Amino acid sequence: MNIQIAPKRMIKDAYVIWPWRDNDDVDLAFDLREGYLGLKPESSKAIYLYNFLGMCRPEEIQDIVENLTHILKPGGKLFIIEQDFDYVARNYVGGDLPLNEFNKDFNRETFLSQEECTKILDNNGFLSSEQQIWKDHKMFNAEHYQFILSGTKKKKK
């Protein structure tokens, strides 16, 4: 089973989870800060996080990724798709991103860099050698201002 954490369906064959059931794409409304969904441990081969970690307070992120790691199969992949703070900041300061657009589209609790997301994966047992930055935004239905990082959960010995 593939799981997607996003407000609308981005990955065709994924089960969609979001804290609010505000449209028909959401299969399960659940706040990931409250646990690991009650799903069977090691039952998912891929988890896609779309702009979710940025909605959380920094002190919550470790627990959330830990909860997701619990339901990810060994060898499974966690994909983090987040707004690229470096891109947003450069475009705002450079005048290419008007304030009203910044406030509408980039209002976040936390802005994460690729480096910070790499540390999150490292801290949760994802192999450093298996982490990858993706450049094909269309493959993930991602926007040009997002970065895509994946990590592979260590296999059991």
N, C-alpha and C. Protein backbone atom coordinates (compact mmCIF):
# COMPACT_ATOMS: atom_id res chain seq x y z
N MET A 1 0.84 -1.17 0.00
CA MET A 1 0.00 0.00 0.00
C MET A 1 0.89 1.24 0.00
N ASN A 2 0.53 2.22 -0.83
CA ASN A 2 1.18 3.52 -0.83
C ASN A 2 0.30 4.50 -0.07
N ILE A 3 0.93 5.36 0.70
CA ILE A 3 0.20 6.36 1.48
C ILE A 3 0.67 7.73 1.05
N GLN A 4 -0.28 8.64 0.93
CA GLN A 4 0.03 10.01 0.57
C GLN A 4 -0.56 10.93 1.64
N ILE A 5 0.26 11.82 2.17
CA ILE A 5 -0.21 12.81 3.14
C ILE A 5 -0.33 14.12 2.38
N ALA A 6 -1.54 14.46 1.98
CA ALA A 6 -1.79 15.67 1.18
C ALA A 6 -3.29 15.96 1.16
N PRO A 7 -3.67 17.21 0.90
CA PRO A 7 -5.09 17.55 0.91
C PRO A 7 -5.85 17.09 -0.33
N LYS A 8 -5.12 16.71 -1.40
CA LYS A 8 -5.78 16.19 -2.59
C LYS A 8 -4.92 15.09 -3.19
N ARG A 9 -5.55 14.25 -4.01
CA ARG A 9 -4.84 13.10 -4.58
C ARG A 9 -3.79 13.58 -5.58
N MET A 10 -2.53 13.24 -5.30
CA MET A 10 -1.42 13.59 -6.17
C MET A 10 -0.81 12.33 -6.80
N ILE A 11 -0.83 11.22 -6.06
CA ILE A 11 -0.31 9.94 -6.53
C ILE A 11 -1.51 9.03 -6.76
N LYS A 12 -1.66 8.56 -7.99
CA LYS A 12 -2.88 7.85 -8.39
C LYS A 12 -3.25 6.67 -7.49
N ASP A 13 -2.30 5.81 -7.16
CA ASP A 13 -2.62 4.58 -6.44
C ASP A 13 -2.38 4.67 -4.93
N ALA A 14 -2.33 5.89 -4.40
CA ALA A 14 -2.03 6.05 -2.97
C ALA A 14 -3.29 6.30 -2.16
N TYR A 15 -3.26 5.84 -0.90
CA TYR A 15 -4.29 6.08 0.08
C TYR A 15 -4.04 7.47 0.65
N VAL A 16 -5.02 8.38 0.57
CA VAL A 16 -4.82 9.78 0.93
C VAL A 16 -5.25 10.04 2.38
N ILE A 17 -4.30 10.55 3.16
CA ILE A 17 -4.54 10.89 4.57
C ILE A 17 -4.24 12.37 4.75
N TRP A 18 -5.11 13.06 5.45
CA TRP A 18 -4.93 14.49 5.74
C TRP A 18 -5.64 14.80 7.05
N PRO A 19 -5.17 15.78 7.80
CA PRO A 19 -5.82 16.06 9.09
C PRO A 19 -7.28 16.47 8.99
N TRP A 20 -7.71 16.96 7.83
CA TRP A 20 -9.10 17.39 7.66
C TRP A 20 -9.69 16.73 6.44
N ARG A 21 -10.93 16.30 6.56
CA ARG A 21 -11.63 15.73 5.41
C ARG A 21 -12.40 16.87 4.75
N ASP A 22 -11.70 17.64 3.91
CA ASP A 22 -12.33 18.80 3.30
C ASP A 22 -12.61 18.62 1.81
N ASN A 23 -12.40 17.42 1.29
CA ASN A 23 -12.78 17.10 -0.09
C ASN A 23 -12.85 15.59 -0.26
N ASP A 24 -13.35 15.16 -1.41
CA ASP A 24 -13.57 13.73 -1.65
C ASP A 24 -12.29 12.94 -1.88
N ASP A 25 -11.16 13.61 -2.11
CA ASP A 25 -9.90 12.90 -2.31
C ASP A 25 -9.35 12.30 -1.02
N VAL A 26 -9.73 12.85 0.12
CA VAL A 26 -9.20 12.40 1.41
C VAL A 26 -9.90 11.11 1.83
N ASP A 27 -9.11 10.03 1.94
CA ASP A 27 -9.65 8.73 2.34
C ASP A 27 -9.77 8.62 3.86
N LEU A 28 -8.86 9.27 4.60
CA LEU A 28 -8.86 9.19 6.05
C LEU A 28 -8.41 10.52 6.62
N ALA A 29 -9.21 11.07 7.52
CA ALA A 29 -8.82 12.30 8.21
C ALA A 29 -8.15 11.90 9.52
N PHE A 30 -6.87 12.24 9.65
CA PHE A 30 -6.13 11.84 10.84
C PHE A 30 -4.95 12.78 11.02
N ASP A 31 -4.74 13.21 12.23
CA ASP A 31 -3.61 14.09 12.54
C ASP A 31 -2.41 13.23 12.91
N LEU A 32 -1.38 13.27 12.11
CA LEU A 32 -0.20 12.42 12.31
C LEU A 32 0.57 12.73 13.57
N ARG A 33 0.26 13.85 14.19
CA ARG A 33 0.93 14.18 15.45
C ARG A 33 0.39 13.31 16.59
N GLU A 34 -0.73 12.62 16.33
CA GLU A 34 -1.38 11.84 17.38
C GLU A 34 -1.01 10.36 17.38
N GLY A 35 -0.17 9.92 16.49
CA GLY A 35 0.20 8.51 16.47
C GLY A 35 0.49 8.03 15.07
N TYR A 36 0.53 6.73 14.91
CA TYR A 36 0.90 6.18 13.61
C TYR A 36 -0.30 5.58 12.88
N LEU A 37 -1.45 6.18 13.04
CA LEU A 37 -2.65 5.88 12.27
C LEU A 37 -3.31 4.55 12.61
N GLY A 38 -2.73 3.77 13.48
CA GLY A 38 -3.28 2.46 13.78
C GLY A 38 -3.11 1.49 12.63
N LEU A 39 -2.36 1.88 11.62
CA LEU A 39 -2.11 0.98 10.50
C LEU A 39 -1.08 -0.07 10.93
N LYS A 40 -1.15 -1.19 10.29
CA LYS A 40 -0.25 -2.30 10.60
C LYS A 40 1.21 -1.85 10.43
N PRO A 41 2.05 -2.15 11.40
CA PRO A 41 3.48 -1.82 11.27
C PRO A 41 4.07 -2.42 9.99
N GLU A 42 4.93 -1.66 9.36
CA GLU A 42 5.64 -2.11 8.16
C GLU A 42 4.68 -2.56 7.06
N SER A 43 3.59 -1.80 6.86
CA SER A 43 2.59 -2.18 5.87
C SER A 43 2.63 -1.32 4.60
N SER A 44 3.42 -0.27 4.58
CA SER A 44 3.44 0.62 3.43
C SER A 44 4.79 0.56 2.72
N LYS A 45 4.75 0.49 1.39
CA LYS A 45 6.00 0.46 0.63
C LYS A 45 6.48 1.86 0.26
N ALA A 46 5.58 2.86 0.27
CA ALA A 46 5.97 4.23 -0.03
C ALA A 46 5.03 5.19 0.68
N ILE A 47 5.60 6.27 1.22
CA ILE A 47 4.82 7.33 1.85
C ILE A 47 5.27 8.65 1.23
N TYR A 48 4.30 9.43 0.77
CA TYR A 48 4.56 10.72 0.14
C TYR A 48 4.02 11.82 1.04
N LEU A 49 4.87 12.73 1.48
CA LEU A 49 4.48 13.85 2.34
C LEU A 49 4.48 15.13 1.51
N TYR A 50 3.30 15.65 1.21
CA TYR A 50 3.19 16.87 0.41
C TYR A 50 2.94 18.07 1.31
N ASN A 51 3.94 18.92 1.47
CA ASN A 51 3.80 20.18 2.21
C ASN A 51 3.21 19.98 3.60
N PHE A 52 3.44 18.83 4.19
CA PHE A 52 2.86 18.57 5.51
C PHE A 52 3.80 18.99 6.64
N LEU A 53 5.07 18.66 6.54
CA LEU A 53 6.00 18.97 7.63
C LEU A 53 6.08 20.47 7.88
N GLY A 54 5.94 21.26 6.83
CA GLY A 54 5.97 22.71 6.99
C GLY A 54 4.77 23.26 7.75
N MET A 55 3.72 22.47 7.87
CA MET A 55 2.53 22.89 8.63
C MET A 55 2.71 22.61 10.12
N CYS A 56 3.74 21.91 10.47
CA CYS A 56 3.94 21.47 11.85
C CYS A 56 4.97 22.34 12.55
N ARG A 57 4.87 22.38 13.86
CA ARG A 57 5.90 23.08 14.64
C ARG A 57 7.18 22.24 14.61
N PRO A 58 8.33 22.89 14.64
CA PRO A 58 9.60 22.15 14.55
C PRO A 58 9.72 21.02 15.57
N GLU A 59 9.21 21.22 16.80
CA GLU A 59 9.33 20.18 17.82
C GLU A 59 8.43 18.97 17.56
N GLU A 60 7.49 19.07 16.62
CA GLU A 60 6.59 17.95 16.31
C GLU A 60 7.12 17.05 15.19
N ILE A 61 8.01 17.59 14.38
CA ILE A 61 8.41 16.90 13.15
C ILE A 61 9.07 15.55 13.42
N GLN A 62 9.94 15.48 14.40
CA GLN A 62 10.62 14.22 14.70
C GLN A 62 9.61 13.12 15.03
N ASP A 63 8.63 13.40 15.88
CA ASP A 63 7.62 12.40 16.24
C ASP A 63 6.79 11.97 15.04
N ILE A 64 6.45 12.92 14.18
CA ILE A 64 5.64 12.59 13.00
C ILE A 64 6.39 11.65 12.08
N VAL A 65 7.64 11.96 11.79
CA VAL A 65 8.42 11.10 10.89
C VAL A 65 8.66 9.74 11.54
N GLU A 66 8.85 9.72 12.85
CA GLU A 66 8.99 8.46 13.58
C GLU A 66 7.72 7.61 13.42
N ASN A 67 6.54 8.24 13.56
CA ASN A 67 5.27 7.54 13.39
C ASN A 67 5.13 6.97 11.98
N LEU A 68 5.54 7.74 10.99
CA LEU A 68 5.47 7.26 9.60
C LEU A 68 6.45 6.13 9.36
N THR A 69 7.63 6.24 9.93
CA THR A 69 8.65 5.19 9.77
C THR A 69 8.13 3.87 10.33
N HIS A 70 7.32 3.93 11.36
CA HIS A 70 6.74 2.74 11.99
C HIS A 70 5.89 1.93 11.01
N ILE A 71 5.19 2.60 10.10
CA ILE A 71 4.31 1.88 9.17
C ILE A 71 4.98 1.62 7.81
N LEU A 72 6.20 2.09 7.64
CA LEU A 72 6.93 1.89 6.39
C LEU A 72 7.69 0.56 6.42
N LYS A 73 7.56 -0.22 5.36
CA LYS A 73 8.28 -1.49 5.26
C LYS A 73 9.79 -1.25 5.19
N PRO A 74 10.59 -2.19 5.70
CA PRO A 74 12.04 -2.09 5.48
C PRO A 74 12.31 -2.05 3.96
N GLY A 75 13.14 -1.14 3.54
CA GLY A 75 13.38 -0.96 2.12
C GLY A 75 12.37 -0.03 1.45
N GLY A 76 11.34 0.38 2.21
CA GLY A 76 10.33 1.30 1.68
C GLY A 76 10.87 2.72 1.59
N LYS A 77 10.20 3.55 0.82
CA LYS A 77 10.67 4.92 0.61
C LYS A 77 9.72 5.94 1.23
N LEU A 78 10.35 6.97 1.81
CA LEU A 78 9.63 8.14 2.30
C LEU A 78 10.02 9.30 1.40
N PHE A 79 9.02 9.94 0.79
CA PHE A 79 9.24 11.08 -0.08
C PHE A 79 8.77 12.33 0.65
N ILE A 80 9.63 13.33 0.73
CA ILE A 80 9.29 14.60 1.34
C ILE A 80 9.24 15.64 0.23
N ILE A 81 8.06 16.21 0.01
CA ILE A 81 7.86 17.25 -0.99
C ILE A 81 7.48 18.51 -0.22
N GLU A 82 8.36 19.48 -0.20
CA GLU A 82 8.15 20.69 0.61
C GLU A 82 8.48 21.94 -0.20
N GLN A 83 7.93 23.06 0.24
CA GLN A 83 8.29 24.33 -0.37
C GLN A 83 9.77 24.60 -0.08
N ASP A 84 10.48 24.99 -1.10
CA ASP A 84 11.92 25.24 -0.99
C ASP A 84 12.14 26.64 -0.43
N PHE A 85 12.50 26.70 0.84
CA PHE A 85 12.65 28.00 1.51
C PHE A 85 13.66 28.88 0.79
N ASP A 86 14.77 28.31 0.33
CA ASP A 86 15.78 29.10 -0.36
C ASP A 86 15.19 29.76 -1.61
N TYR A 87 14.41 29.01 -2.38
CA TYR A 87 13.78 29.53 -3.59
C TYR A 87 12.80 30.65 -3.24
N VAL A 88 11.93 30.39 -2.27
CA VAL A 88 10.91 31.36 -1.87
C VAL A 88 11.57 32.64 -1.36
N ALA A 89 12.55 32.51 -0.48
CA ALA A 89 13.22 33.69 0.09
C ALA A 89 13.93 34.51 -0.99
N ARG A 90 14.65 33.85 -1.87
CA ARG A 90 15.36 34.57 -2.95
C ARG A 90 14.39 35.34 -3.83
N ASN A 91 13.27 34.71 -4.17
CA ASN A 91 12.30 35.36 -5.05
C ASN A 91 11.53 36.47 -4.36
N TYR A 92 11.29 36.33 -3.08
CA TYR A 92 10.62 37.40 -2.34
C TYR A 92 11.55 38.61 -2.20
N VAL A 93 12.77 38.37 -1.73
CA VAL A 93 13.74 39.45 -1.54
C VAL A 93 14.09 40.09 -2.89
N GLY A 94 14.17 39.30 -3.94
CA GLY A 94 14.50 39.82 -5.26
C GLY A 94 13.36 40.55 -5.94
N GLY A 95 12.18 40.54 -5.33
CA GLY A 95 11.04 41.25 -5.90
C GLY A 95 10.24 40.47 -6.91
N ASP A 96 10.60 39.20 -7.16
CA ASP A 96 9.86 38.39 -8.13
C ASP A 96 8.61 37.75 -7.53
N LEU A 97 8.46 37.85 -6.23
CA LEU A 97 7.33 37.24 -5.53
C LEU A 97 6.64 38.34 -4.72
N PRO A 98 5.49 38.83 -5.20
CA PRO A 98 4.79 39.91 -4.49
C PRO A 98 4.33 39.46 -3.10
N LEU A 99 4.22 40.41 -2.18
CA LEU A 99 3.84 40.12 -0.80
C LEU A 99 2.50 39.39 -0.71
N ASN A 100 1.51 39.80 -1.50
CA ASN A 100 0.19 39.14 -1.42
C ASN A 100 0.27 37.68 -1.85
N GLU A 101 1.11 37.36 -2.85
CA GLU A 101 1.30 35.97 -3.27
C GLU A 101 2.07 35.19 -2.21
N PHE A 102 3.08 35.84 -1.64
CA PHE A 102 3.84 35.20 -0.56
C PHE A 102 2.91 34.83 0.60
N ASN A 103 2.08 35.76 1.03
CA ASN A 103 1.16 35.51 2.15
C ASN A 103 0.12 34.45 1.81
N LYS A 104 -0.34 34.40 0.56
CA LYS A 104 -1.37 33.44 0.15
C LYS A 104 -0.80 32.02 0.00
N ASP A 105 0.33 31.91 -0.69
CA ASP A 105 0.84 30.59 -1.07
C ASP A 105 1.95 30.04 -0.18
N PHE A 106 2.59 30.88 0.60
CA PHE A 106 3.76 30.43 1.33
C PHE A 106 3.68 30.71 2.82
N ASN A 107 2.49 30.73 3.34
CA ASN A 107 2.29 30.95 4.77
C ASN A 107 2.45 29.60 5.48
N ARG A 108 3.55 29.41 6.18
CA ARG A 108 3.89 28.13 6.78
C ARG A 108 4.21 28.29 8.25
N GLU A 109 4.01 27.26 9.01
CA GLU A 109 4.46 27.23 10.41
C GLU A 109 5.99 27.13 10.45
N THR A 110 6.53 26.28 9.58
CA THR A 110 7.96 26.01 9.54
C THR A 110 8.41 25.95 8.09
N PHE A 111 9.52 26.59 7.78
CA PHE A 111 10.14 26.42 6.47
C PHE A 111 11.32 25.49 6.65
N LEU A 112 11.39 24.48 5.80
CA LEU A 112 12.45 23.49 5.89
C LEU A 112 13.35 23.57 4.66
N SER A 113 14.62 23.40 4.88
CA SER A 113 15.56 23.33 3.76
C SER A 113 15.80 21.86 3.43
N GLN A 114 16.41 21.61 2.28
CA GLN A 114 16.77 20.24 1.92
C GLN A 114 17.71 19.66 2.97
N GLU A 115 18.62 20.49 3.45
CA GLU A 115 19.58 20.03 4.46
C GLU A 115 18.85 19.58 5.74
N GLU A 116 17.86 20.36 6.17
CA GLU A 116 17.11 19.98 7.38
C GLU A 116 16.34 18.69 7.17
N CYS A 117 15.76 18.52 6.00
CA CYS A 117 15.02 17.28 5.71
C CYS A 117 15.96 16.09 5.64
N THR A 118 17.16 16.29 5.14
CA THR A 118 18.16 15.22 5.13
C THR A 118 18.48 14.79 6.56
N LYS A 119 18.63 15.76 7.47
CA LYS A 119 18.89 15.45 8.88
C LYS A 119 17.72 14.69 9.50
N ILE A 120 16.49 15.07 9.14
CA ILE A 120 15.31 14.37 9.64
C ILE A 120 15.36 12.90 9.22
N LEU A 121 15.70 12.65 7.96
CA LEU A 121 15.81 11.27 7.49
C LEU A 121 16.94 10.54 8.21
N ASP A 122 18.09 11.19 8.36
CA ASP A 122 19.21 10.59 9.08
C ASP A 122 18.81 10.20 10.50
N ASN A 123 18.10 11.08 11.18
CA ASN A 123 17.70 10.85 12.58
C ASN A 123 16.67 9.74 12.72
N ASN A 124 16.05 9.34 11.62
CA ASN A 124 15.02 8.30 11.68
C ASN A 124 15.45 7.00 11.02
N GLY A 125 16.76 6.80 10.86
CA GLY A 125 17.26 5.52 10.39
C GLY A 125 17.19 5.30 8.90
N PHE A 126 17.09 6.36 8.11
CA PHE A 126 17.11 6.20 6.67
C PHE A 126 18.56 6.25 6.22
N LEU A 127 18.92 5.39 5.30
CA LEU A 127 20.29 5.28 4.83
C LEU A 127 20.73 6.55 4.11
N SER A 128 21.83 7.14 4.56
CA SER A 128 22.35 8.35 3.91
C SER A 128 22.68 8.08 2.45
N SER A 129 23.22 6.91 2.18
CA SER A 129 23.61 6.56 0.82
C SER A 129 22.41 6.36 -0.11
N GLU A 130 21.23 6.19 0.46
CA GLU A 130 20.02 5.94 -0.33
C GLU A 130 19.13 7.18 -0.44
N GLN A 131 19.57 8.31 0.11
CA GLN A 131 18.77 9.53 0.01
C GLN A 131 18.98 10.15 -1.36
N GLN A 132 17.91 10.69 -1.91
CA GLN A 132 17.98 11.20 -3.27
C GLN A 132 17.17 12.48 -3.39
N ILE A 133 17.71 13.47 -4.10
CA ILE A 133 16.97 14.68 -4.45
C ILE A 133 16.47 14.48 -5.88
N TRP A 134 15.16 14.65 -6.06
CA TRP A 134 14.52 14.43 -7.36
C TRP A 134 14.37 15.76 -8.08
N LYS A 135 14.61 15.77 -9.37
CA LYS A 135 14.47 16.98 -10.18
C LYS A 135 13.21 16.95 -11.05
N ASP A 136 12.60 15.77 -11.22
CA ASP A 136 11.42 15.63 -12.08
C ASP A 136 10.16 15.97 -11.29
N HIS A 137 9.79 17.24 -11.30
CA HIS A 137 8.63 17.69 -10.53
C HIS A 137 7.32 17.12 -11.08
N LYS A 138 7.25 16.90 -12.40
CA LYS A 138 6.01 16.37 -12.99
C LYS A 138 5.70 14.96 -12.48
N MET A 139 6.73 14.18 -12.27
CA MET A 139 6.55 12.81 -11.78
C MET A 139 5.79 12.78 -10.45
N PHE A 140 5.95 13.84 -9.65
CA PHE A 140 5.33 13.90 -8.33
C PHE A 140 4.19 14.91 -8.26
N ASN A 141 3.79 15.47 -9.40
CA ASN A 141 2.79 16.54 -9.43
C ASN A 141 3.19 17.68 -8.50
N ALA A 142 4.47 17.99 -8.47
CA ALA A 142 5.00 19.02 -7.58
C ALA A 142 5.15 20.33 -8.35
N GLU A 143 5.17 21.41 -7.59
CA GLU A 143 5.35 22.74 -8.17
C GLU A 143 6.84 23.04 -8.32
N HIS A 144 7.17 23.99 -9.18
CA HIS A 144 8.57 24.35 -9.43
C HIS A 144 9.26 24.90 -8.18
N TYR A 145 8.52 25.42 -7.22
CA TYR A 145 9.11 25.99 -6.01
C TYR A 145 9.23 24.96 -4.87
N GLN A 146 9.05 23.70 -5.18
CA GLN A 146 9.16 22.65 -4.16
C GLN A 146 10.43 21.83 -4.41
N PHE A 147 10.95 21.26 -3.34
CA PHE A 147 12.02 20.28 -3.50
C PHE A 147 11.46 18.92 -3.14
N ILE A 148 12.08 17.89 -3.69
CA ILE A 148 11.63 16.51 -3.48
C ILE A 148 12.84 15.72 -3.01
N LEU A 149 12.71 15.13 -1.85
CA LEU A 149 13.78 14.35 -1.25
C LEU A 149 13.20 12.99 -0.84
N SER A 150 13.93 11.93 -1.11
CA SER A 150 13.45 10.61 -0.67
C SER A 150 14.55 9.91 0.12
N GLY A 151 14.09 9.04 0.99
CA GLY A 151 14.99 8.20 1.77
C GLY A 151 14.45 6.78 1.80
N THR A 152 15.34 5.82 1.93
CA THR A 152 14.96 4.41 1.99
C THR A 152 15.18 3.90 3.42
N LYS A 153 14.13 3.28 3.98
CA LYS A 153 14.22 2.73 5.32
C LYS A 153 15.17 1.54 5.32
N LYS A 154 16.03 1.48 6.34
CA LYS A 154 16.97 0.36 6.45
C LYS A 154 16.22 -0.97 6.49
N LYS A 155 16.78 -1.95 5.81
CA LYS A 155 16.22 -3.30 5.85
C LYS A 155 16.74 -3.99 7.11
N LYS A 156 15.91 -4.90 7.61
CA LYS A 156 16.32 -5.67 8.79
C LYS A 156 17.39 -6.67 8.41
N LYS A 157 18.27 -6.92 9.37
CA LYS A 157 19.36 -7.88 9.09
C LYS A 157 18.95 -9.25 9.52
